Amino acid sequence: MKDLGEADVIVNIKLVKESNGEVTLTQSQYVEKVLSRFGYSDYESVSTLYDASVVLRKNKRIMKDQLRYSQIIGSLMYFS
């Protein structure tokens, strides 16, 4: 077995060691990777308001790209 030194990324979570010894966990590199994979890296972030009075209903239209949708949702499952 070989010692590779201190870990800097574990399961797509980056560990940033601060000068005071604290460790910060971030997934920004994973977010960038997923956005790039699905062609959304050029988009700007926006705040989205949540309206609790909106009632969701089942989509009766046929999903055109079910595989792509499933891949995106699968990738989002690893964000925390």
Protein backbone atom coordinates (compact mmCIF):
# COMPACT_ATOMS: atom_id res chain seq x y z
CA MET A 1 0.00 0.00 0.00
CA LYS A 2 1.27 3.47 -0.86
CA ASP A 3 0.80 6.65 1.21
CA LEU A 4 -0.68 9.30 -1.09
CA GLY A 5 -0.60 12.03 1.56
CA GLU A 6 -3.57 13.99 2.88
CA ALA A 7 -6.84 13.51 1.04
CA ASP A 8 -8.18 16.54 -0.81
CA VAL A 9 -11.29 15.03 -2.46
CA ILE A 10 -13.38 12.15 -1.10
CA VAL A 11 -16.53 10.98 -2.90
CA ASN A 12 -16.77 14.27 -4.84
CA ILE A 13 -16.50 16.31 -1.63
CA LYS A 14 -13.47 18.62 -1.54
CA LEU A 15 -11.72 19.08 1.79
CA VAL A 16 -10.15 22.51 2.31
CA LYS A 17 -7.86 22.77 5.33
CA GLU A 18 -7.80 26.26 6.82
CA SER A 19 -4.71 27.78 8.46
CA ASN A 20 -6.33 27.46 11.90
CA GLY A 21 -6.76 23.69 11.42
CA GLU A 22 -10.46 23.74 10.55
CA VAL A 23 -11.62 21.73 7.56
CA THR A 24 -14.27 23.02 5.15
CA LEU A 25 -16.23 20.61 2.96
CA THR A 26 -17.41 21.85 -0.45
CA GLN A 27 -19.02 20.32 -3.53
CA SER A 28 -18.45 23.27 -5.87
CA GLN A 29 -16.17 21.26 -8.17
CA TYR A 30 -18.84 18.54 -8.42
CA VAL A 31 -21.52 21.14 -9.20
CA GLU A 32 -19.33 22.57 -11.99
CA LYS A 33 -18.69 19.07 -13.35
CA VAL A 34 -22.43 18.20 -13.46
CA LEU A 35 -23.37 21.56 -15.02
CA SER A 36 -20.71 21.11 -17.68
CA ARG A 37 -21.75 17.50 -18.38
CA PHE A 38 -25.33 18.53 -19.15
CA GLY A 39 -24.47 21.76 -20.98
CA TYR A 40 -25.55 24.25 -18.31
CA SER A 41 -22.16 25.71 -17.32
CA ASP A 42 -22.83 29.07 -19.03
CA TYR A 43 -26.01 29.79 -17.03
CA GLU A 44 -26.16 32.34 -14.20
CA SER A 45 -27.58 31.42 -10.79
CA VAL A 46 -30.89 32.94 -9.67
CA SER A 47 -32.98 32.90 -6.51
CA THR A 48 -36.20 30.94 -6.79
CA LEU A 49 -39.11 31.71 -4.52
CA TYR A 50 -41.25 28.89 -3.15
CA ASP A 51 -45.02 29.31 -3.21
CA ALA A 52 -46.56 26.80 -0.77
CA SER A 53 -50.07 27.48 -2.13
CA VAL A 54 -49.25 25.89 -5.50
CA VAL A 55 -50.69 22.39 -5.79
CA LEU A 56 -48.63 20.04 -7.95
CA ARG A 57 -50.40 17.61 -10.24
CA LYS A 58 -49.25 14.65 -12.28
CA ASN A 59 -47.74 15.44 -15.67
CA LYS A 60 -49.96 13.89 -18.36
CA ARG A 61 -47.65 14.78 -21.23
CA ILE A 62 -45.17 12.29 -22.60
CA MET A 63 -41.64 12.97 -21.43
CA LYS A 64 -39.48 13.60 -24.51
CA ASP A 65 -36.11 12.92 -22.94
CA GLN A 66 -36.67 10.60 -19.98
CA LEU A 67 -33.10 9.25 -20.02
CA ARG A 68 -31.51 12.73 -19.83
CA TYR A 69 -33.92 13.75 -17.05
CA SER A 70 -33.08 10.57 -15.10
CA GLN A 71 -29.35 11.22 -15.50
CA ILE A 72 -29.66 14.80 -14.23
CA ILE A 73 -31.77 13.76 -11.22
CA GLY A 74 -29.33 10.92 -10.50
CA SER A 75 -26.45 13.39 -10.46
CA LEU A 76 -28.33 15.77 -8.15
CA MET A 77 -28.82 13.02 -5.57
CA TYR A 78 -25.19 13.44 -4.48
CA PHE A 79 -25.49 17.14 -3.61
CA SER A 80 -25.91 17.87 0.06
